[in-house]
Every structure is written in structure tokens, then in C-alpha cells.
Full PDB file with SEQRES, HELIX, SHEET, SSBOND, CRYST1, ORIGX, SCALE, CONECT and MASTER records, all heavy atoms in Angstrom:
SEQRES   1 A   39  GLU ARG ASP LEU LEU ALA ARG GLN ALA LEU ALA GLU GLY          
SEQRES   2 A   39  LYS PRO GLU ALA VAL ALA GLU LYS ILE VAL ASP GLY ARG          
SEQRES   3 A   39  LEU ASN SER TRP TYR MET ASP ARG VAL LEU TYR ASP GLN          
HELIX    1 AA1 ARG A    2  ALA A   11  1                                  10    
HELIX    2 AA2 GLU A   16  ARG A   34  1                                  19    
HELIX    3 AA3 LEU A   36  ASP A   38  5                                   3    
CRYST1    1.000    1.000    1.000  90.00  90.00  90.00 P 1           1          
ORIGX1      1.000000  0.000000  0.000000        0.00000                         
ORIGX2      0.000000  1.000000  0.000000        0.00000                         
ORIGX3      0.000000  0.000000  1.000000        0.00000                         
SCALE1      1.000000  0.000000  0.000000        0.00000                         
SCALE2      0.000000  1.000000  0.000000        0.00000                         
SCALE3      0.000000  0.000000  1.000000        0.00000                         
ATOM      1  N   GLU A   1     -15.900  -0.930  -6.671  1.00  0.00           N  
ATOM      2  CA  GLU A   1     -14.942  -0.312  -5.765  1.00  0.00           C  
ATOM      3  C   GLU A   1     -14.037   0.668  -6.508  1.00  0.00           C  
ATOM      4  O   GLU A   1     -13.737   1.752  -6.016  1.00  0.00           O  
ATOM      5  CB  GLU A   1     -14.095  -1.395  -5.091  1.00  0.00           C  
ATOM      6  CG  GLU A   1     -13.132  -0.877  -4.042  1.00  0.00           C  
ATOM      7  CD  GLU A   1     -13.814  -0.272  -2.824  1.00  0.00           C  
ATOM      8  OE1 GLU A   1     -15.014  -0.568  -2.607  1.00  0.00           O  
ATOM      9  OE2 GLU A   1     -13.156   0.494  -2.099  1.00  0.00           O  
ATOM     10  N   ARG A   2     -13.588   0.288  -7.713  1.00  0.00           N  
ATOM     11  CA  ARG A   2     -12.736   1.165  -8.507  1.00  0.00           C  
ATOM     12  C   ARG A   2     -13.467   2.469  -8.834  1.00  0.00           C  
ATOM     13  O   ARG A   2     -12.875   3.563  -8.756  1.00  0.00           O  
ATOM     14  CB  ARG A   2     -12.299   0.463  -9.796  1.00  0.00           C  
ATOM     15  CG  ARG A   2     -11.416   1.338 -10.692  1.00  0.00           C  
ATOM     16  CD  ARG A   2     -10.925   0.582 -11.903  1.00  0.00           C  
ATOM     17  NE  ARG A   2      -9.824  -0.320 -11.598  1.00  0.00           N  
ATOM     18  CZ  ARG A   2      -8.563   0.068 -11.472  1.00  0.00           C  
ATOM     19  NH1 ARG A   2      -8.225   1.342 -11.618  1.00  0.00           N  
ATOM     20  NH2 ARG A   2      -7.615  -0.812 -11.207  1.00  0.00           N  
ATOM     21  N   ASP A   3     -14.736   2.351  -9.195  1.00  0.00           N  
ATOM     22  CA  ASP A   3     -15.533   3.538  -9.520  1.00  0.00           C  
ATOM     23  C   ASP A   3     -15.670   4.445  -8.302  1.00  0.00           C  
ATOM     24  O   ASP A   3     -15.539   5.668  -8.404  1.00  0.00           O  
ATOM     25  CB  ASP A   3     -16.917   3.098 -10.022  1.00  0.00           C  
ATOM     26  CG  ASP A   3     -17.804   4.296 -10.388  1.00  0.00           C  
ATOM     27  OD1 ASP A   3     -17.436   5.041 -11.319  1.00  0.00           O  
ATOM     28  OD2 ASP A   3     -18.840   4.487  -9.727  1.00  0.00           O  
ATOM     29  N   LEU A   4     -15.927   3.837  -7.133  1.00  0.00           N  
ATOM     30  CA  LEU A   4     -16.064   4.610  -5.898  1.00  0.00           C  
ATOM     31  C   LEU A   4     -14.763   5.330  -5.564  1.00  0.00           C  
ATOM     32  O   LEU A   4     -14.765   6.523  -5.232  1.00  0.00           O  
ATOM     33  CB  LEU A   4     -16.456   3.678  -4.746  1.00  0.00           C  
ATOM     34  CG  LEU A   4     -16.496   4.307  -3.344  1.00  0.00           C  
ATOM     35  CD1 LEU A   4     -17.577   5.381  -3.272  1.00  0.00           C  
ATOM     36  CD2 LEU A   4     -16.739   3.239  -2.285  1.00  0.00           C  
ATOM     37  N   LEU A   5     -13.652   4.629  -5.681  1.00  0.00           N  
ATOM     38  CA  LEU A   5     -12.345   5.217  -5.373  1.00  0.00           C  
ATOM     39  C   LEU A   5     -11.996   6.339  -6.342  1.00  0.00           C  
ATOM     40  O   LEU A   5     -11.395   7.346  -5.961  1.00  0.00           O  
ATOM     41  CB  LEU A   5     -11.263   4.131  -5.412  1.00  0.00           C  
ATOM     42  CG  LEU A   5     -11.328   3.069  -4.311  1.00  0.00           C  
ATOM     43  CD1 LEU A   5     -10.317   1.967  -4.568  1.00  0.00           C  
ATOM     44  CD2 LEU A   5     -11.088   3.699  -2.936  1.00  0.00           C  
ATOM     45  N   ALA A   6     -12.383   6.177  -7.607  1.00  0.00           N  
ATOM     46  CA  ALA A   6     -12.122   7.208  -8.622  1.00  0.00           C  
ATOM     47  C   ALA A   6     -12.902   8.479  -8.293  1.00  0.00           C  
ATOM     48  O   ALA A   6     -12.365   9.597  -8.386  1.00  0.00           O  
ATOM     49  CB  ALA A   6     -12.511   6.690 -10.002  1.00  0.00           C  
ATOM     50  N   ARG A   7     -14.167   8.306  -7.898  1.00  0.00           N  
ATOM     51  CA  ARG A   7     -14.981   9.481  -7.552  1.00  0.00           C  
ATOM     52  C   ARG A   7     -14.450  10.178  -6.296  1.00  0.00           C  
ATOM     53  O   ARG A   7     -14.471  11.403  -6.196  1.00  0.00           O  
ATOM     54  CB  ARG A   7     -16.444   9.062  -7.367  1.00  0.00           C  
ATOM     55  CG  ARG A   7     -17.152   8.808  -8.706  1.00  0.00           C  
ATOM     56  CD  ARG A   7     -18.636   8.549  -8.591  1.00  0.00           C  
ATOM     57  NE  ARG A   7     -18.908   7.162  -8.229  1.00  0.00           N  
ATOM     58  CZ  ARG A   7     -19.446   6.773  -7.079  1.00  0.00           C  
ATOM     59  NH1 ARG A   7     -19.742   7.668  -6.161  1.00  0.00           N  
ATOM     60  NH2 ARG A   7     -19.681   5.506  -6.844  1.00  0.00           N  
ATOM     61  N   GLN A   8     -13.950   9.380  -5.344  1.00  0.00           N  
ATOM     62  CA  GLN A   8     -13.376   9.964  -4.126  1.00  0.00           C  
ATOM     63  C   GLN A   8     -12.127  10.781  -4.454  1.00  0.00           C  
ATOM     64  O   GLN A   8     -11.951  11.892  -3.945  1.00  0.00           O  
ATOM     65  CB  GLN A   8     -13.006   8.843  -3.141  1.00  0.00           C  
ATOM     66  CG  GLN A   8     -14.193   8.210  -2.448  1.00  0.00           C  
ATOM     67  CD  GLN A   8     -13.774   7.070  -1.530  1.00  0.00           C  
ATOM     68  OE1 GLN A   8     -12.636   6.588  -1.593  1.00  0.00           O  
ATOM     69  NE2 GLN A   8     -14.682   6.625  -0.680  1.00  0.00           N  
ATOM     70  N   ALA A   9     -11.270  10.227  -5.312  1.00  0.00           N  
ATOM     71  CA  ALA A   9     -10.026  10.912  -5.668  1.00  0.00           C  
ATOM     72  C   ALA A   9     -10.308  12.224  -6.394  1.00  0.00           C  
ATOM     73  O   ALA A   9      -9.660  13.246  -6.136  1.00  0.00           O  
ATOM     74  CB  ALA A   9      -9.161  10.000  -6.534  1.00  0.00           C  
ATOM     75  N   LEU A  10     -11.275  12.200  -7.303  1.00  0.00           N  
ATOM     76  CA  LEU A  10     -11.632  13.419  -8.041  1.00  0.00           C  
ATOM     77  C   LEU A  10     -12.269  14.452  -7.112  1.00  0.00           C  
ATOM     78  O   LEU A  10     -12.038  15.654  -7.256  1.00  0.00           O  
ATOM     79  CB  LEU A  10     -12.572  13.080  -9.201  1.00  0.00           C  
ATOM     80  CG  LEU A  10     -11.936  12.277 -10.349  1.00  0.00           C  
ATOM     81  CD1 LEU A  10     -12.994  11.842 -11.351  1.00  0.00           C  
ATOM     82  CD2 LEU A  10     -10.851  13.102 -11.048  1.00  0.00           C  
ATOM     83  N   ALA A  11     -13.040  13.959  -6.138  1.00  0.00           N  
ATOM     84  CA  ALA A  11     -13.686  14.863  -5.176  1.00  0.00           C  
ATOM     85  C   ALA A  11     -12.649  15.536  -4.277  1.00  0.00           C  
ATOM     86  O   ALA A  11     -12.885  16.623  -3.753  1.00  0.00           O  
ATOM     87  CB  ALA A  11     -14.686  14.091  -4.318  1.00  0.00           C  
ATOM     88  N   GLU A  12     -11.496  14.881  -4.129  1.00  0.00           N  
ATOM     89  CA  GLU A  12     -10.407  15.459  -3.342  1.00  0.00           C  
ATOM     90  C   GLU A  12      -9.620  16.493  -4.140  1.00  0.00           C  
ATOM     91  O   GLU A  12      -8.657  17.075  -3.641  1.00  0.00           O  
ATOM     92  CB  GLU A  12      -9.458  14.337  -2.874  1.00  0.00           C  
ATOM     93  CG  GLU A  12     -10.083  13.395  -1.852  1.00  0.00           C  
ATOM     94  CD  GLU A  12      -9.260  12.131  -1.640  1.00  0.00           C  
ATOM     95  OE1 GLU A  12      -8.153  12.043  -2.227  1.00  0.00           O  
ATOM     96  OE2 GLU A  12      -9.714  11.241  -0.911  1.00  0.00           O  
ATOM     97  N   GLY A  13     -10.034  16.678  -5.402  1.00  0.00           N  
ATOM     98  CA  GLY A  13      -9.388  17.673  -6.237  1.00  0.00           C  
ATOM     99  C   GLY A  13      -8.125  17.201  -6.930  1.00  0.00           C  
ATOM    100  O   GLY A  13      -7.336  18.013  -7.420  1.00  0.00           O  
ATOM    101  N   LYS A  14      -7.933  15.893  -6.991  1.00  0.00           N  
ATOM    102  CA  LYS A  14      -6.740  15.359  -7.649  1.00  0.00           C  
ATOM    103  C   LYS A  14      -6.894  15.424  -9.168  1.00  0.00           C  
ATOM    104  O   LYS A  14      -7.978  15.163  -9.692  1.00  0.00           O  
ATOM    105  CB  LYS A  14      -6.514  13.893  -7.249  1.00  0.00           C  
ATOM    106  CG  LYS A  14      -6.525  13.650  -5.747  1.00  0.00           C  
ATOM    107  CD  LYS A  14      -5.342  14.274  -5.048  1.00  0.00           C  
ATOM    108  CE  LYS A  14      -5.331  13.897  -3.568  1.00  0.00           C  
ATOM    109  NZ  LYS A  14      -4.270  14.593  -2.819  1.00  0.00           N  
ATOM    110  N   PRO A  15      -5.821  15.768  -9.895  1.00  0.00           N  
ATOM    111  CA  PRO A  15      -5.874  15.739 -11.361  1.00  0.00           C  
ATOM    112  C   PRO A  15      -6.154  14.314 -11.825  1.00  0.00           C  
ATOM    113  O   PRO A  15      -5.785  13.346 -11.148  1.00  0.00           O  
ATOM    114  CB  PRO A  15      -4.472  16.190 -11.783  1.00  0.00           C  
ATOM    115  CG  PRO A  15      -3.924  16.889 -10.594  1.00  0.00           C  
ATOM    116  CD  PRO A  15      -4.530  16.235  -9.394  1.00  0.00           C  
ATOM    117  N   GLU A  16      -6.794  14.180 -12.982  1.00  0.00           N  
ATOM    118  CA  GLU A  16      -7.207  12.855 -13.446  1.00  0.00           C  
ATOM    119  C   GLU A  16      -6.050  11.855 -13.544  1.00  0.00           C  
ATOM    120  O   GLU A  16      -6.178  10.690 -13.154  1.00  0.00           O  
ATOM    121  CB  GLU A  16      -7.903  12.973 -14.808  1.00  0.00           C  
ATOM    122  CG  GLU A  16      -8.645  11.710 -15.197  1.00  0.00           C  
ATOM    123  CD  GLU A  16      -9.570  11.923 -16.386  1.00  0.00           C  
ATOM    124  OE1 GLU A  16      -9.991  13.073 -16.623  1.00  0.00           O  
ATOM    125  OE2 GLU A  16      -9.850  10.932 -17.061  1.00  0.00           O  
ATOM    126  N   ALA A  17      -4.904  12.314 -14.051  1.00  0.00           N  
ATOM    127  CA  ALA A  17      -3.747  11.422 -14.205  1.00  0.00           C  
ATOM    128  C   ALA A  17      -3.240  10.949 -12.846  1.00  0.00           C  
ATOM    129  O   ALA A  17      -2.870   9.787 -12.674  1.00  0.00           O  
ATOM    130  CB  ALA A  17      -2.630  12.136 -14.957  1.00  0.00           C  
ATOM    131  N   VAL A  18      -3.224  11.852 -11.880  1.00  0.00           N  
ATOM    132  CA  VAL A  18      -2.784  11.513 -10.526  1.00  0.00           C  
ATOM    133  C   VAL A  18      -3.824  10.632  -9.847  1.00  0.00           C  
ATOM    134  O   VAL A  18      -3.497   9.680  -9.140  1.00  0.00           O  
ATOM    135  CB  VAL A  18      -2.543  12.790  -9.693  1.00  0.00           C  
ATOM    136  CG1 VAL A  18      -2.197  12.438  -8.246  1.00  0.00           C  
ATOM    137  CG2 VAL A  18      -1.442  13.630 -10.318  1.00  0.00           C  
ATOM    138  N   ALA A  19      -5.093  10.952 -10.084  1.00  0.00           N  
ATOM    139  CA  ALA A  19      -6.190  10.204  -9.465  1.00  0.00           C  
ATOM    140  C   ALA A  19      -6.131   8.731  -9.835  1.00  0.00           C  
ATOM    141  O   ALA A  19      -6.400   7.861  -9.006  1.00  0.00           O  
ATOM    142  CB  ALA A  19      -7.532  10.799  -9.887  1.00  0.00           C  
ATOM    143  N   GLU A  20      -5.754   8.453 -11.085  1.00  0.00           N  
ATOM    144  CA  GLU A  20      -5.697   7.064 -11.542  1.00  0.00           C  
ATOM    145  C   GLU A  20      -4.671   6.257 -10.746  1.00  0.00           C  
ATOM    146  O   GLU A  20      -4.917   5.110 -10.366  1.00  0.00           O  
ATOM    147  CB  GLU A  20      -5.350   7.016 -13.034  1.00  0.00           C  
ATOM    148  CG  GLU A  20      -5.518   5.634 -13.647  1.00  0.00           C  
ATOM    149  CD  GLU A  20      -5.345   5.650 -15.158  1.00  0.00           C  
ATOM    150  OE1 GLU A  20      -5.577   6.701 -15.780  1.00  0.00           O  
ATOM    151  OE2 GLU A  20      -4.970   4.603 -15.690  1.00  0.00           O  
ATOM    152  N   LYS A  21      -3.511   6.869 -10.468  1.00  0.00           N  
ATOM    153  CA  LYS A  21      -2.475   6.190  -9.686  1.00  0.00           C  
ATOM    154  C   LYS A  21      -2.926   6.003  -8.241  1.00  0.00           C  
ATOM    155  O   LYS A  21      -2.644   4.982  -7.607  1.00  0.00           O  
ATOM    156  CB  LYS A  21      -1.174   6.986  -9.729  1.00  0.00           C  
ATOM    157  CG  LYS A  21      -0.520   7.002 -11.106  1.00  0.00           C  
ATOM    158  CD  LYS A  21       0.763   7.784 -11.096  1.00  0.00           C  
ATOM    159  CE  LYS A  21       1.411   7.792 -12.484  1.00  0.00           C  
ATOM    160  NZ  LYS A  21       2.651   8.587 -12.523  1.00  0.00           N  
ATOM    161  N   ILE A  22      -3.629   7.002  -7.725  1.00  0.00           N  
ATOM    162  CA  ILE A  22      -4.143   6.918  -6.355  1.00  0.00           C  
ATOM    163  C   ILE A  22      -5.155   5.779  -6.257  1.00  0.00           C  
ATOM    164  O   ILE A  22      -5.149   4.997  -5.303  1.00  0.00           O  
ATOM    165  CB  ILE A  22      -4.794   8.252  -5.932  1.00  0.00           C  
ATOM    166  CG1 ILE A  22      -3.705   9.327  -5.759  1.00  0.00           C  
ATOM    167  CG2 ILE A  22      -5.592   8.090  -4.636  1.00  0.00           C  
ATOM    168  CD1 ILE A  22      -4.247  10.713  -5.509  1.00  0.00           C  
ATOM    169  N   VAL A  23      -6.010   5.672  -7.263  1.00  0.00           N  
ATOM    170  CA  VAL A  23      -7.022   4.610  -7.288  1.00  0.00           C  
ATOM    171  C   VAL A  23      -6.348   3.240  -7.297  1.00  0.00           C  
ATOM    172  O   VAL A  23      -6.756   2.337  -6.561  1.00  0.00           O  
ATOM    173  CB  VAL A  23      -7.946   4.758  -8.516  1.00  0.00           C  
ATOM    174  CG1 VAL A  23      -8.810   3.509  -8.701  1.00  0.00           C  
ATOM    175  CG2 VAL A  23      -8.843   5.983  -8.354  1.00  0.00           C  
ATOM    176  N   ASP A  24      -5.308   3.085  -8.115  1.00  0.00           N  
ATOM    177  CA  ASP A  24      -4.592   1.800  -8.183  1.00  0.00           C  
ATOM    178  C   ASP A  24      -4.009   1.425  -6.815  1.00  0.00           C  
ATOM    179  O   ASP A  24      -4.086   0.272  -6.390  1.00  0.00           O  
ATOM    180  CB  ASP A  24      -3.468   1.863  -9.216  1.00  0.00           C  
ATOM    181  CG  ASP A  24      -3.990   1.842 -10.652  1.00  0.00           C  
ATOM    182  OD1 ASP A  24      -5.140   1.410 -10.850  1.00  0.00           O  
ATOM    183  OD2 ASP A  24      -3.249   2.267 -11.559  1.00  0.00           O  
ATOM    184  N   GLY A  25      -3.449   2.421  -6.134  1.00  0.00           N  
ATOM    185  CA  GLY A  25      -2.867   2.174  -4.817  1.00  0.00           C  
ATOM    186  C   GLY A  25      -3.911   1.792  -3.790  1.00  0.00           C  
ATOM    187  O   GLY A  25      -3.735   0.845  -3.010  1.00  0.00           O  
ATOM    188  N   ARG A  26      -5.029   2.511  -3.805  1.00  0.00           N  
ATOM    189  CA  ARG A  26      -6.095   2.222  -2.845  1.00  0.00           C  
ATOM    190  C   ARG A  26      -6.793   0.899  -3.165  1.00  0.00           C  
ATOM    191  O   ARG A  26      -7.252   0.199  -2.255  1.00  0.00           O  
ATOM    192  CB  ARG A  26      -7.108   3.369  -2.835  1.00  0.00           C  
ATOM    193  CG  ARG A  26      -6.535   4.651  -2.221  1.00  0.00           C  
ATOM    194  CD  ARG A  26      -7.514   5.805  -2.281  1.00  0.00           C  
ATOM    195  NE  ARG A  26      -6.930   6.999  -1.682  1.00  0.00           N  
ATOM    196  CZ  ARG A  26      -7.517   8.191  -1.691  1.00  0.00           C  
ATOM    197  NH1 ARG A  26      -8.720   8.341  -2.267  1.00  0.00           N  
ATOM    198  NH2 ARG A  26      -6.931   9.227  -1.127  1.00  0.00           N  
ATOM    199  N   LEU A  27      -6.856   0.559  -4.453  1.00  0.00           N  
ATOM    200  CA  LEU A  27      -7.469  -0.708  -4.836  1.00  0.00           C  
ATOM    201  C   LEU A  27      -6.589  -1.872  -4.364  1.00  0.00           C  
ATOM    202  O   LEU A  27      -7.104  -2.916  -3.943  1.00  0.00           O  
ATOM    203  CB  LEU A  27      -7.661  -0.776  -6.356  1.00  0.00           C  
ATOM    204  CG  LEU A  27      -8.573  -1.908  -6.870  1.00  0.00           C  
ATOM    205  CD1 LEU A  27      -9.992  -1.755  -6.323  1.00  0.00           C  
ATOM    206  CD2 LEU A  27      -8.604  -1.918  -8.393  1.00  0.00           C  
ATOM    207  N   ASN A  28      -5.274  -1.676  -4.391  1.00  0.00           N  
ATOM    208  CA  ASN A  28      -4.362  -2.700  -3.865  1.00  0.00           C  
ATOM    209  C   ASN A  28      -4.612  -2.931  -2.385  1.00  0.00           C  
ATOM    210  O   ASN A  28      -4.609  -4.069  -1.904  1.00  0.00           O  
ATOM    211  CB  ASN A  28      -2.905  -2.294  -4.080  1.00  0.00           C  
ATOM    212  CG  ASN A  28      -2.378  -2.743  -5.438  1.00  0.00           C  
ATOM    213  OD1 ASN A  28      -2.791  -3.770  -5.962  1.00  0.00           O  
ATOM    214  ND2 ASN A  28      -1.472  -1.970  -5.993  1.00  0.00           N  
ATOM    215  N   SER A  29      -4.853  -1.850  -1.648  1.00  0.00           N  
ATOM    216  CA  SER A  29      -5.149  -1.960  -0.219  1.00  0.00           C  
ATOM    217  C   SER A  29      -6.464  -2.701  -0.004  1.00  0.00           C  
ATOM    218  O   SER A  29      -6.603  -3.501   0.922  1.00  0.00           O  
ATOM    219  CB  SER A  29      -5.230  -0.567   0.425  1.00  0.00           C  
ATOM    220  OG  SER A  29      -3.978   0.072   0.361  1.00  0.00           O  
ATOM    221  N   TRP A  30      -7.434  -2.419  -0.878  1.00  0.00           N  
ATOM    222  CA  TRP A  30      -8.741  -3.096  -0.819  1.00  0.00           C  
ATOM    223  C   TRP A  30      -8.573  -4.596  -1.044  1.00  0.00           C  
ATOM    224  O   TRP A  30      -9.162  -5.410  -0.335  1.00  0.00           O  
ATOM    225  CB  TRP A  30      -9.660  -2.480  -1.878  1.00  0.00           C  
ATOM    226  CG  TRP A  30     -11.050  -3.035  -1.925  1.00  0.00           C  
ATOM    227  CD1 TRP A  30     -12.100  -2.680  -1.120  1.00  0.00           C  
ATOM    228  CD2 TRP A  30     -11.567  -4.007  -2.849  1.00  0.00           C  
ATOM    229  NE1 TRP A  30     -13.229  -3.389  -1.486  1.00  0.00           N  
ATOM    230  CE2 TRP A  30     -12.928  -4.201  -2.544  1.00  0.00           C  
ATOM    231  CE3 TRP A  30     -10.993  -4.720  -3.907  1.00  0.00           C  
ATOM    232  CZ2 TRP A  30     -13.737  -5.081  -3.252  1.00  0.00           C  
ATOM    233  CZ3 TRP A  30     -11.794  -5.610  -4.615  1.00  0.00           C  
ATOM    234  CH2 TRP A  30     -13.142  -5.785  -4.293  1.00  0.00           C  
ATOM    235  N   TYR A  31      -7.722  -4.951  -2.006  1.00  0.00           N  
ATOM    236  CA  TYR A  31      -7.446  -6.368  -2.264  1.00  0.00           C  
ATOM    237  C   TYR A  31      -6.788  -7.008  -1.034  1.00  0.00           C  
ATOM    238  O   TYR A  31      -7.097  -8.144  -0.666  1.00  0.00           O  
ATOM    239  CB  TYR A  31      -6.506  -6.525  -3.461  1.00  0.00           C  
ATOM    240  CG  TYR A  31      -7.175  -6.545  -4.813  1.00  0.00           C  
ATOM    241  CD1 TYR A  31      -6.812  -5.645  -5.813  1.00  0.00           C  
ATOM    242  CD2 TYR A  31      -8.164  -7.487  -5.113  1.00  0.00           C  
ATOM    243  CE1 TYR A  31      -7.409  -5.677  -7.070  1.00  0.00           C  
ATOM    244  CE2 TYR A  31      -8.764  -7.525  -6.359  1.00  0.00           C  
ATOM    245  CZ  TYR A  31      -8.379  -6.623  -7.333  1.00  0.00           C  
ATOM    246  OH  TYR A  31      -8.979  -6.661  -8.568  1.00  0.00           O  
ATOM    247  N   MET A  32      -5.865  -6.289  -0.395  1.00  0.00           N  
ATOM    248  CA  MET A  32      -5.160  -6.840   0.757  1.00  0.00           C  
ATOM    249  C   MET A  32      -6.102  -7.152   1.904  1.00  0.00           C  
ATOM    250  O   MET A  32      -5.832  -8.037   2.724  1.00  0.00           O  
ATOM    251  CB  MET A  32      -4.065  -5.867   1.215  1.00  0.00           C  
ATOM    252  CG  MET A  32      -2.883  -5.801   0.255  1.00  0.00           C  
ATOM    253  SD  MET A  32      -1.737  -4.457   0.622  1.00  0.00           S  
ATOM    254  CE  MET A  32      -1.091  -4.981   2.192  1.00  0.00           C  
ATOM    255  N   ASP A  33      -7.217  -6.447   1.969  1.00  0.00           N  
ATOM    256  CA  ASP A  33      -8.216  -6.714   3.004  1.00  0.00           C  
ATOM    257  C   ASP A  33      -9.058  -7.943   2.680  1.00  0.00           C  
ATOM    258  O   ASP A  33      -9.557  -8.604   3.585  1.00  0.00           O  
ATOM    259  CB  ASP A  33      -9.162  -5.513   3.159  1.00  0.00           C  
ATOM    260  CG  ASP A  33      -8.502  -4.355   3.882  1.00  0.00           C  
ATOM    261  OD1 ASP A  33      -7.512  -4.592   4.607  1.00  0.00           O  
ATOM    262  OD2 ASP A  33      -8.970  -3.215   3.723  1.00  0.00           O  
ATOM    263  N   ARG A  34      -9.214  -8.253   1.390  1.00  0.00           N  
ATOM    264  CA  ARG A  34     -10.186  -9.270   0.984  1.00  0.00           C  
ATOM    265  C   ARG A  34      -9.617 -10.520   0.321  1.00  0.00           C  
ATOM    266  O   ARG A  34     -10.322 -11.510   0.195  1.00  0.00           O  
ATOM    267  CB  ARG A  34     -11.208  -8.616   0.031  1.00  0.00           C  
ATOM    268  CG  ARG A  34     -12.100  -7.616   0.738  1.00  0.00           C  
ATOM    269  CD  ARG A  34     -12.773  -6.646  -0.223  1.00  0.00           C  
ATOM    270  NE  ARG A  34     -13.638  -5.723   0.493  1.00  0.00           N  
ATOM    271  CZ  ARG A  34     -13.210  -4.659   1.144  1.00  0.00           C  
ATOM    272  NH1 ARG A  34     -11.915  -4.379   1.162  1.00  0.00           N  
ATOM    273  NH2 ARG A  34     -14.043  -3.876   1.799  1.00  0.00           N  
ATOM    274  N   VAL A  35      -8.383 -10.466  -0.132  1.00  0.00           N  
ATOM    275  CA  VAL A  35      -7.786 -11.604  -0.840  1.00  0.00           C  
ATOM    276  C   VAL A  35      -6.799 -12.326   0.075  1.00  0.00           C  
ATOM    277  O   VAL A  35      -5.849 -11.727   0.578  1.00  0.00           O  
ATOM    278  CB  VAL A  35      -7.073 -11.135  -2.124  1.00  0.00           C  
ATOM    279  CG1 VAL A  35      -6.339 -12.292  -2.789  1.00  0.00           C  
ATOM    280  CG2 VAL A  35      -8.089 -10.537  -3.095  1.00  0.00           C  
ATOM    281  N   LEU A  36      -7.020 -13.603   0.295  1.00  0.00           N  
ATOM    282  CA  LEU A  36      -6.199 -14.396   1.209  1.00  0.00           C  
ATOM    283  C   LEU A  36      -4.716 -14.293   0.880  1.00  0.00           C  
ATOM    284  O   LEU A  36      -3.894 -14.026   1.759  1.00  0.00           O  
ATOM    285  CB  LEU A  36      -6.640 -15.864   1.171  1.00  0.00           C  
ATOM    286  CG  LEU A  36      -5.817 -16.849   2.007  1.00  0.00           C  
ATOM    287  CD1 LEU A  36      -5.915 -16.504   3.494  1.00  0.00           C  
ATOM    288  CD2 LEU A  36      -6.264 -18.288   1.755  1.00  0.00           C  
ATOM    289  N   TYR A  37      -4.343 -14.517  -0.378  1.00  0.00           N  
ATOM    290  CA  TYR A  37      -2.936 -14.518  -0.760  1.00  0.00           C  
ATOM    291  C   TYR A  37      -2.275 -13.157  -0.573  1.00  0.00           C  
ATOM    292  O   TYR A  37      -1.049 -13.077  -0.448  1.00  0.00           O  
ATOM    293  CB  TYR A  37      -2.770 -14.953  -2.213  1.00  0.00           C  
ATOM    294  CG  TYR A  37      -2.736 -16.457  -2.425  1.00  0.00           C  
ATOM    295  CD1 TYR A  37      -3.065 -17.358  -1.406  1.00  0.00           C  
ATOM    296  CD2 TYR A  37      -2.383 -16.988  -3.663  1.00  0.00           C  
ATOM    297  CE1 TYR A  37      -3.035 -18.710  -1.609  1.00  0.00           C  
ATOM    298  CE2 TYR A  37      -2.341 -18.361  -3.875  1.00  0.00           C  
ATOM    299  CZ  TYR A  37      -2.663 -19.222  -2.846  1.00  0.00           C  
ATOM    300  OH  TYR A  37      -2.619 -20.574  -3.048  1.00  0.00           O  
ATOM    301  N   ASP A  38      -3.052 -12.077  -0.572  1.00  0.00           N  
ATOM    302  CA  ASP A  38      -2.495 -10.731  -0.426  1.00  0.00           C  
ATOM    303  C   ASP A  38      -2.396 -10.300   1.041  1.00  0.00           C  
ATOM    304  O   ASP A  38      -1.758  -9.288   1.345  1.00  0.00           O  
ATOM    305  CB  ASP A  38      -3.360  -9.710  -1.175  1.00  0.00           C  
ATOM    306  CG  ASP A  38      -3.129  -9.753  -2.675  1.00  0.00           C  
ATOM    307  OD1 ASP A  38      -2.515 -10.724  -3.147  1.00  0.00           O  
ATOM    308  OD2 ASP A  38      -3.586  -8.833  -3.372  1.00  0.00           O  
ATOM    309  N   GLN A  39      -3.023 -11.053   1.930  1.00  0.00           N  
ATOM    310  CA  GLN A  39      -3.027 -10.663   3.343  1.00  0.00           C  
ATOM    311  C   GLN A  39      -1.710 -11.020   4.034  1.00  0.00           C  
ATOM    312  O   GLN A  39      -1.124 -12.058   3.776  1.00  0.00           O  
ATOM    313  CB  GLN A  39      -4.188 -11.350   4.076  1.00  0.00           C  
ATOM    314  CG  GLN A  39      -5.552 -10.827   3.680  1.00  0.00           C  
ATOM    315  CD  GLN A  39      -6.677 -11.514   4.438  1.00  0.00           C  
ATOM    316  OE1 GLN A  39      -6.511 -12.589   5.000  1.00  0.00           O  
ATOM    317  NE2 GLN A  39      -7.839 -10.886   4.448  1.00  0.00           N  
TER     318      GLN A  39                                                      
MASTER        0    0    0    3    0    0    0    6  317    1    0    3          
END                                                                             
């Protein structure tokens, strides 16, 4: 999932440093969908 999100962020034209933060944020959302304690 992290790899997929990283490729999506780069495809959106985000700079690598910014893309990493975007990936972390989107990965948190992914966890919230799948992890009981995060829901």
C-alpha cells in the first residue's frame, strides 16, 4: 500500500519530500479503514 501511495503521489507531480508526508497521511487513513483500534 505504501508503494502504491508513493507512486500515486509522484504521479500527481508532488516533490519527493512532500510526497513522503502525503503518503504518511494517506497510509494513516488506510489504517483507519482496516485497524479496529484506529476506527
